[in-house]
Amino acid sequence: MKRFIKVMKALSDPSRVKIMKMLQHRVMCVCEIHASLGIAQSTASKHLKILEEAGLIIFYKDGLWVNYKLADGSESPYAASLIGGLKHWLENDPEIKELIERLPEIQREIICSR
């Protein structure tokens, strides 16, 4: 029951759902996520931590970069079901569509060089 509640709570925030939808399309760092959503980097980091603790995303280091991507769901059947469902859900939502369309413009090299 605790694992189920953790996964459900992780996806109860609109920003975290948006992060999941973005990560469906590409691997991202925290600076790209905070720039995409227009939130503080510390807020983006908190959202990422919650998603990671729920088994919905994973991170890996590549030199100085910490990259985030969707988990494979092997940690939790609840996470696996929601990750699979989210691939199809909200695709026609105007807010999600706009966010995904802007992803090619969000580049870490540009954001972090400011």
N, C-alpha and C. Protein backbone atom coordinates (compact mmCIF):
# COMPACT_ATOMS: atom_id res chain seq x y z
N MET A 1 0.82 -1.19 0.00
CA MET A 1 0.00 0.00 0.00
C MET A 1 0.87 1.27 0.00
N LYS A 2 1.95 1.27 0.77
CA LYS A 2 2.80 2.46 0.86
C LYS A 2 3.42 2.84 -0.49
N ARG A 3 3.86 1.83 -1.24
CA ARG A 3 4.47 2.09 -2.55
C ARG A 3 3.43 2.68 -3.52
N PHE A 4 2.21 2.17 -3.47
CA PHE A 4 1.14 2.66 -4.31
C PHE A 4 0.86 4.14 -4.00
N ILE A 5 0.73 4.45 -2.73
CA ILE A 5 0.44 5.83 -2.31
C ILE A 5 1.58 6.76 -2.72
N LYS A 6 2.82 6.31 -2.59
CA LYS A 6 3.98 7.14 -2.96
C LYS A 6 3.94 7.49 -4.45
N VAL A 7 3.64 6.52 -5.29
CA VAL A 7 3.56 6.75 -6.74
C VAL A 7 2.41 7.70 -7.05
N MET A 8 1.26 7.47 -6.45
CA MET A 8 0.10 8.32 -6.71
C MET A 8 0.34 9.76 -6.25
N LYS A 9 0.94 9.92 -5.10
CA LYS A 9 1.25 11.27 -4.61
C LYS A 9 2.26 11.97 -5.50
N ALA A 10 3.21 11.21 -6.02
CA ALA A 10 4.23 11.80 -6.89
C ALA A 10 3.60 12.40 -8.13
N LEU A 11 2.54 11.82 -8.62
CA LEU A 11 1.89 12.32 -9.82
C LEU A 11 0.68 13.20 -9.53
N SER A 12 0.55 13.64 -8.28
CA SER A 12 -0.58 14.49 -7.92
C SER A 12 -0.30 15.97 -8.15
N ASP A 13 0.89 16.30 -8.63
CA ASP A 13 1.27 17.68 -8.87
C ASP A 13 1.40 17.91 -10.38
N PRO A 14 0.78 18.96 -10.91
CA PRO A 14 0.86 19.22 -12.36
C PRO A 14 2.28 19.37 -12.90
N SER A 15 3.16 19.97 -12.12
CA SER A 15 4.55 20.14 -12.59
C SER A 15 5.24 18.80 -12.73
N ARG A 16 4.96 17.88 -11.83
CA ARG A 16 5.59 16.57 -11.91
C ARG A 16 5.04 15.77 -13.09
N VAL A 17 3.76 15.93 -13.39
CA VAL A 17 3.18 15.27 -14.57
C VAL A 17 3.86 15.84 -15.82
N LYS A 18 4.06 17.15 -15.87
CA LYS A 18 4.72 17.78 -17.02
C LYS A 18 6.15 17.27 -17.16
N ILE A 19 6.85 17.11 -16.05
CA ILE A 19 8.22 16.57 -16.09
C ILE A 19 8.20 15.17 -16.70
N MET A 20 7.26 14.36 -16.27
CA MET A 20 7.16 13.00 -16.81
C MET A 20 6.91 13.04 -18.32
N LYS A 21 6.03 13.93 -18.76
CA LYS A 21 5.72 14.02 -20.20
C LYS A 21 6.95 14.49 -20.98
N MET A 22 7.72 15.43 -20.43
CA MET A 22 8.93 15.89 -21.12
C MET A 22 9.96 14.77 -21.21
N LEU A 23 10.11 14.03 -20.13
CA LEU A 23 11.10 12.95 -20.10
C LEU A 23 10.72 11.79 -21.02
N GLN A 24 9.47 11.73 -21.44
CA GLN A 24 9.07 10.75 -22.45
C GLN A 24 9.77 11.02 -23.76
N HIS A 25 10.07 12.29 -23.99
CA HIS A 25 10.61 12.72 -25.28
C HIS A 25 12.13 12.82 -25.31
N ARG A 26 12.73 13.05 -24.13
CA ARG A 26 14.19 13.12 -24.11
C ARG A 26 14.73 13.15 -22.68
N VAL A 27 15.99 12.83 -22.57
CA VAL A 27 16.71 12.95 -21.30
C VAL A 27 16.94 14.43 -21.06
N MET A 28 16.81 14.85 -19.80
CA MET A 28 16.98 16.27 -19.48
C MET A 28 17.74 16.44 -18.17
N CYS A 29 18.39 17.60 -18.04
CA CYS A 29 19.03 17.96 -16.77
C CYS A 29 18.10 18.91 -16.02
N VAL A 30 18.41 19.17 -14.77
CA VAL A 30 17.54 20.01 -13.94
C VAL A 30 17.43 21.43 -14.51
N CYS A 31 18.50 21.95 -15.09
CA CYS A 31 18.44 23.32 -15.63
C CYS A 31 17.48 23.40 -16.81
N GLU A 32 17.42 22.35 -17.62
CA GLU A 32 16.48 22.33 -18.75
C GLU A 32 15.04 22.22 -18.25
N ILE A 33 14.85 21.44 -17.21
CA ILE A 33 13.51 21.27 -16.65
C ILE A 33 13.02 22.56 -16.01
N HIS A 34 13.88 23.20 -15.25
CA HIS A 34 13.43 24.45 -14.60
C HIS A 34 13.18 25.54 -15.64
N ALA A 35 13.95 25.57 -16.70
CA ALA A 35 13.73 26.56 -17.76
C ALA A 35 12.44 26.25 -18.53
N SER A 36 12.18 25.00 -18.79
CA SER A 36 10.97 24.60 -19.52
C SER A 36 9.70 24.95 -18.76
N LEU A 37 9.73 24.74 -17.45
CA LEU A 37 8.53 24.96 -16.64
C LEU A 37 8.45 26.35 -16.04
N GLY A 38 9.55 27.11 -16.12
CA GLY A 38 9.54 28.45 -15.54
C GLY A 38 9.44 28.44 -14.02
N ILE A 39 10.10 27.45 -13.41
CA ILE A 39 10.11 27.34 -11.95
C ILE A 39 11.55 27.46 -11.47
N ALA A 40 11.72 27.70 -10.19
CA ALA A 40 13.06 27.79 -9.61
C ALA A 40 13.78 26.46 -9.73
N GLN A 41 15.09 26.50 -9.86
CA GLN A 41 15.87 25.27 -9.98
C GLN A 41 15.70 24.40 -8.73
N SER A 42 15.62 25.03 -7.56
CA SER A 42 15.44 24.25 -6.33
C SER A 42 14.08 23.54 -6.33
N THR A 43 13.06 24.18 -6.86
CA THR A 43 11.73 23.57 -6.96
C THR A 43 11.76 22.39 -7.93
N ALA A 44 12.42 22.58 -9.07
CA ALA A 44 12.57 21.48 -10.03
C ALA A 44 13.29 20.31 -9.39
N SER A 45 14.34 20.58 -8.64
CA SER A 45 15.09 19.52 -7.96
C SER A 45 14.22 18.76 -6.96
N LYS A 46 13.38 19.48 -6.24
CA LYS A 46 12.47 18.82 -5.28
C LYS A 46 11.49 17.91 -6.01
N HIS A 47 10.94 18.39 -7.11
CA HIS A 47 10.02 17.57 -7.90
C HIS A 47 10.73 16.31 -8.42
N LEU A 48 11.94 16.47 -8.90
CA LEU A 48 12.70 15.33 -9.42
C LEU A 48 12.98 14.31 -8.32
N LYS A 49 13.27 14.77 -7.14
CA LYS A 49 13.54 13.87 -6.02
C LYS A 49 12.29 13.05 -5.68
N ILE A 50 11.13 13.69 -5.67
CA ILE A 50 9.88 12.99 -5.37
C ILE A 50 9.60 11.93 -6.43
N LEU A 51 9.79 12.29 -7.70
CA LEU A 51 9.57 11.33 -8.79
C LEU A 51 10.55 10.17 -8.72
N GLU A 52 11.78 10.47 -8.36
CA GLU A 52 12.81 9.43 -8.25
C GLU A 52 12.51 8.49 -7.09
N GLU A 53 12.11 9.03 -5.96
CA GLU A 53 11.78 8.20 -4.79
C GLU A 53 10.58 7.30 -5.04
N ALA A 54 9.70 7.72 -5.95
CA ALA A 54 8.52 6.92 -6.29
C ALA A 54 8.84 5.86 -7.35
N GLY A 55 10.07 5.88 -7.88
CA GLY A 55 10.46 4.90 -8.88
C GLY A 55 10.00 5.24 -10.28
N LEU A 56 9.64 6.51 -10.51
CA LEU A 56 9.14 6.93 -11.82
C LEU A 56 10.24 7.41 -12.75
N ILE A 57 11.30 7.95 -12.19
CA ILE A 57 12.44 8.42 -12.99
C ILE A 57 13.73 7.92 -12.36
N ILE A 58 14.78 7.97 -13.15
CA ILE A 58 16.12 7.66 -12.64
C ILE A 58 17.06 8.75 -13.13
N PHE A 59 18.23 8.81 -12.52
CA PHE A 59 19.23 9.78 -12.97
C PHE A 59 20.55 9.06 -13.13
N TYR A 60 21.38 9.66 -13.96
CA TYR A 60 22.74 9.16 -14.12
C TYR A 60 23.64 10.36 -14.40
N LYS A 61 24.90 10.22 -14.04
CA LYS A 61 25.85 11.30 -14.25
C LYS A 61 26.61 11.09 -15.55
N ASP A 62 26.85 12.20 -16.22
CA ASP A 62 27.65 12.21 -17.45
C ASP A 62 28.60 13.39 -17.32
N GLY A 63 29.78 13.14 -16.79
CA GLY A 63 30.70 14.23 -16.49
C GLY A 63 30.11 15.11 -15.41
N LEU A 64 29.95 16.39 -15.70
CA LEU A 64 29.38 17.33 -14.73
C LEU A 64 27.85 17.33 -14.76
N TRP A 65 27.26 16.74 -15.78
CA TRP A 65 25.81 16.75 -15.94
C TRP A 65 25.16 15.62 -15.15
N VAL A 66 24.01 15.91 -14.56
CA VAL A 66 23.15 14.89 -13.98
C VAL A 66 21.93 14.82 -14.89
N ASN A 67 21.74 13.69 -15.53
CA ASN A 67 20.66 13.52 -16.50
C ASN A 67 19.53 12.71 -15.89
N TYR A 68 18.30 13.10 -16.22
CA TYR A 68 17.11 12.42 -15.73
C TYR A 68 16.38 11.79 -16.90
N LYS A 69 15.84 10.59 -16.67
CA LYS A 69 15.05 9.92 -17.69
C LYS A 69 13.99 9.08 -16.99
N LEU A 70 13.00 8.64 -17.77
CA LEU A 70 11.97 7.78 -17.20
C LEU A 70 12.57 6.47 -16.75
N ALA A 71 12.07 5.96 -15.64
CA ALA A 71 12.49 4.65 -15.16
C ALA A 71 11.83 3.58 -16.03
N ASP A 72 12.33 2.36 -15.94
CA ASP A 72 11.72 1.28 -16.71
C ASP A 72 10.55 0.64 -15.97
N GLY A 73 10.32 1.06 -14.74
CA GLY A 73 9.19 0.55 -13.97
C GLY A 73 9.47 -0.74 -13.22
N SER A 74 10.70 -1.22 -13.30
CA SER A 74 11.03 -2.51 -12.66
C SER A 74 11.00 -2.43 -11.14
N GLU A 75 11.09 -1.23 -10.59
CA GLU A 75 11.11 -1.06 -9.14
C GLU A 75 9.72 -1.24 -8.51
N SER A 76 8.68 -0.94 -9.30
CA SER A 76 7.34 -0.98 -8.75
C SER A 76 6.33 -1.24 -9.87
N PRO A 77 5.41 -2.18 -9.65
CA PRO A 77 4.39 -2.41 -10.67
C PRO A 77 3.47 -1.20 -10.84
N TYR A 78 3.30 -0.42 -9.78
CA TYR A 78 2.46 0.77 -9.86
C TYR A 78 3.13 1.83 -10.72
N ALA A 79 4.43 2.01 -10.52
CA ALA A 79 5.18 2.96 -11.33
C ALA A 79 5.16 2.51 -12.79
N ALA A 80 5.35 1.23 -13.03
CA ALA A 80 5.36 0.70 -14.39
C ALA A 80 4.03 0.98 -15.10
N SER A 81 2.93 0.76 -14.41
CA SER A 81 1.61 0.99 -15.00
C SER A 81 1.40 2.46 -15.34
N LEU A 82 1.80 3.33 -14.44
CA LEU A 82 1.60 4.76 -14.69
C LEU A 82 2.55 5.29 -15.76
N ILE A 83 3.76 4.81 -15.78
CA ILE A 83 4.70 5.22 -16.83
C ILE A 83 4.14 4.81 -18.19
N GLY A 84 3.63 3.59 -18.27
CA GLY A 84 3.04 3.10 -19.52
C GLY A 84 1.81 3.90 -19.92
N GLY A 85 0.96 4.17 -18.96
CA GLY A 85 -0.25 4.94 -19.24
C GLY A 85 0.04 6.36 -19.67
N LEU A 86 0.97 7.00 -19.00
CA LEU A 86 1.30 8.39 -19.32
C LEU A 86 1.82 8.57 -20.73
N LYS A 87 2.36 7.51 -21.32
CA LYS A 87 2.84 7.61 -22.70
C LYS A 87 1.70 7.94 -23.65
N HIS A 88 0.48 7.60 -23.27
CA HIS A 88 -0.68 7.83 -24.13
C HIS A 88 -1.60 8.92 -23.59
N TRP A 89 -1.57 9.14 -22.30
CA TRP A 89 -2.46 10.11 -21.68
C TRP A 89 -1.96 11.53 -21.92
N LEU A 90 -2.86 12.45 -22.01
CA LEU A 90 -2.61 13.89 -22.09
C LEU A 90 -1.93 14.34 -23.37
N GLU A 91 -1.82 13.48 -24.35
CA GLU A 91 -1.14 13.85 -25.60
C GLU A 91 -1.83 15.02 -26.30
N ASN A 92 -3.15 15.14 -26.14
CA ASN A 92 -3.89 16.22 -26.80
C ASN A 92 -4.15 17.41 -25.90
N ASP A 93 -3.64 17.39 -24.69
CA ASP A 93 -3.80 18.52 -23.78
C ASP A 93 -3.01 19.71 -24.33
N PRO A 94 -3.65 20.88 -24.50
CA PRO A 94 -2.96 22.03 -25.10
C PRO A 94 -1.69 22.45 -24.36
N GLU A 95 -1.73 22.41 -23.05
CA GLU A 95 -0.56 22.80 -22.25
C GLU A 95 0.61 21.83 -22.46
N ILE A 96 0.30 20.55 -22.50
CA ILE A 96 1.34 19.54 -22.72
C ILE A 96 1.88 19.65 -24.14
N LYS A 97 0.99 19.82 -25.11
CA LYS A 97 1.42 19.95 -26.51
C LYS A 97 2.40 21.12 -26.67
N GLU A 98 2.05 22.26 -26.08
CA GLU A 98 2.92 23.44 -26.18
C GLU A 98 4.27 23.18 -25.53
N LEU A 99 4.26 22.56 -24.38
CA LEU A 99 5.49 22.24 -23.67
C LEU A 99 6.39 21.34 -24.51
N ILE A 100 5.83 20.32 -25.10
CA ILE A 100 6.60 19.37 -25.91
C ILE A 100 7.13 20.04 -27.18
N GLU A 101 6.34 20.92 -27.77
CA GLU A 101 6.77 21.63 -28.98
C GLU A 101 7.96 22.55 -28.70
N ARG A 102 8.06 23.07 -27.47
CA ARG A 102 9.16 23.97 -27.11
C ARG A 102 10.43 23.23 -26.72
N LEU A 103 10.37 21.94 -26.50
CA LEU A 103 11.54 21.19 -26.04
C LEU A 103 12.79 21.36 -26.91
N PRO A 104 12.69 21.37 -28.23
CA PRO A 104 13.91 21.53 -29.03
C PRO A 104 14.65 22.86 -28.77
N GLU A 105 13.93 23.86 -28.31
CA GLU A 105 14.54 25.17 -28.02
C GLU A 105 15.28 25.17 -26.68
N ILE A 106 14.99 24.22 -25.83
CA ILE A 106 15.57 24.14 -24.49
C ILE A 106 16.85 23.33 -24.57
N GLN A 107 17.98 24.03 -24.48
CA GLN A 107 19.27 23.37 -24.61
C GLN A 107 20.17 23.77 -23.44
N ARG A 108 20.68 22.77 -22.76
CA ARG A 108 21.48 23.02 -21.56
C ARG A 108 22.70 23.89 -21.82
N GLU A 109 23.31 23.74 -22.99
CA GLU A 109 24.51 24.53 -23.29
C GLU A 109 24.19 26.02 -23.32
N ILE A 110 23.01 26.36 -23.80
CA ILE A 110 22.60 27.77 -23.85
C ILE A 110 22.16 28.25 -22.47
N ILE A 111 21.37 27.45 -21.79
CA ILE A 111 20.84 27.84 -20.47
C ILE A 111 21.97 28.03 -19.47
N CYS A 112 22.90 27.11 -19.44
CA CYS A 112 23.95 27.14 -18.42
C CYS A 112 25.10 28.09 -18.77
N SER A 113 25.09 28.64 -19.96
CA SER A 113 26.16 29.58 -20.32
C SER A 113 25.78 31.03 -20.01
N ARG A 114 24.56 31.21 -19.55
CA ARG A 114 24.07 32.57 -19.24
C ARG A 114 24.69 33.10 -17.98
